Protein backbone atom coordinates (compact mmCIF):
# COMPACT_ATOMS: atom_id res chain seq x y z
CA MET A 1 -129.02 16.79 42.91
CA VAL A 2 -125.31 17.01 43.52
CA ALA A 3 -124.15 14.78 46.33
CA LYS A 4 -121.93 16.24 49.00
CA PRO A 5 -118.60 14.61 49.75
CA TYR A 6 -118.90 12.19 52.65
CA HIS A 7 -116.76 14.28 54.99
CA GLU A 8 -119.08 17.31 54.54
CA MET A 9 -122.27 15.38 55.38
CA THR A 10 -124.00 15.50 58.72
CA PRO A 11 -124.45 12.15 60.52
CA ALA A 12 -128.10 12.06 59.42
CA GLU A 13 -127.12 12.68 55.78
CA ARG A 14 -124.46 9.97 56.00
CA LEU A 15 -127.02 7.49 57.31
CA ALA A 16 -129.54 8.42 54.60
CA SER A 17 -126.85 8.09 51.95
CA ARG A 18 -125.80 4.65 53.22
CA ILE A 19 -129.42 3.47 53.29
CA ALA A 20 -129.94 4.68 49.72
CA LYS A 21 -126.77 2.92 48.55
CA ASN A 22 -127.83 -0.32 50.28
CA ARG A 23 -131.23 -0.14 48.58
CA GLU A 24 -129.54 0.34 45.20
CA ILE A 25 -127.33 -2.69 45.85
CA ASP A 26 -130.33 -4.80 46.92
CA GLN A 27 -132.25 -3.77 43.82
CA ARG A 28 -129.33 -4.70 41.55
CA VAL A 29 -129.06 -8.11 43.21
CA VAL A 30 -132.78 -8.78 42.81
CA THR A 31 -132.69 -7.64 39.18
CA THR A 32 -129.64 -9.77 38.45
CA LEU A 33 -131.18 -12.87 40.02
CA ALA A 34 -134.49 -12.31 38.22
CA THR A 35 -132.84 -11.98 34.81
CA LYS A 36 -130.23 -14.69 35.26
CA VAL A 37 -130.42 -17.19 32.42
CA VAL A 38 -130.40 -20.87 33.29
CA THR A 39 -127.99 -22.75 31.07
CA LYS A 40 -129.31 -25.77 29.23
CA PRO A 41 -127.93 -29.08 30.56
CA ALA A 42 -125.75 -31.14 28.23
CA SER A 43 -127.84 -34.29 28.52
CA ARG A 44 -131.17 -35.61 29.73
CA ALA A 45 -129.48 -36.97 32.87
CA GLY A 46 -128.29 -33.45 33.65
CA GLU A 47 -131.79 -32.13 33.01
CA LYS A 48 -133.27 -34.61 35.47
CA LYS A 49 -130.67 -33.66 38.08
CA SER A 50 -131.46 -29.96 37.60
CA THR A 51 -135.17 -30.65 38.08
CA GLU A 52 -134.49 -32.60 41.27
CA ILE A 53 -132.30 -29.81 42.62
CA ALA A 54 -134.93 -27.20 41.78
CA SER A 55 -137.64 -29.18 43.58
CA ARG A 56 -135.44 -29.56 46.66
CA GLN A 57 -134.66 -25.84 46.65
CA THR A 58 -138.37 -25.07 46.45
CA ALA A 59 -139.05 -27.38 49.39
CA VAL A 60 -136.28 -25.73 51.43
CA ARG A 61 -137.68 -22.27 50.65
CA GLY A 62 -141.10 -23.47 51.81
CA VAL A 63 -139.69 -24.72 55.10
CA LEU A 64 -137.76 -21.48 55.63
CA ASP A 65 -140.88 -19.42 54.95
CA LYS A 66 -142.86 -21.54 57.41
CA PHE A 67 -140.01 -21.21 59.95
CA GLN A 68 -140.11 -17.41 59.68
CA GLN A 69 -143.89 -17.39 60.01
CA ILE A 70 -143.80 -19.57 63.14
CA LYS A 71 -140.92 -17.56 64.61
CA ASN A 72 -142.84 -14.31 64.18
CA THR A 73 -146.09 -15.64 65.64
CA GLN A 74 -145.02 -18.24 68.25
CA GLY A 75 -141.36 -17.52 68.94
CA ILE A 76 -137.99 -19.05 68.12
CA ASP A 77 -138.47 -22.16 70.25
CA ALA A 78 -141.59 -23.23 68.37
CA ALA A 79 -139.87 -22.50 65.05
CA SER A 80 -136.87 -24.60 66.08
CA ASP A 81 -139.16 -27.46 67.05
CA TYR A 82 -140.81 -27.24 63.62
CA VAL A 83 -137.46 -27.48 61.83
CA LEU A 84 -136.31 -30.37 64.01
CA SER A 85 -139.55 -32.23 63.26
CA ARG A 86 -138.93 -31.75 59.51
CA VAL A 87 -135.33 -33.07 59.62
CA GLY A 88 -136.43 -36.69 59.99
CA LYS A 89 -138.65 -36.51 56.88
């Protein structure tokens, strides 16, 4: 399929083209992140620090997932309360 130049597209074709390009960009980002190689730390101290950082990042992702779940089911106020209750921990 030969793509039309942008100025010859109808508004619907322009929108479809932009959506397709955004999906391609998203897919490249996901692929890049999935295949990214973690460099080996120079020392054991660096390795321990990397492990601590990874565990914190996992915990943050868990809280964000829970936040989104609460926001979708109970609303933004309940989700905000959940996050504020987690800050003290």
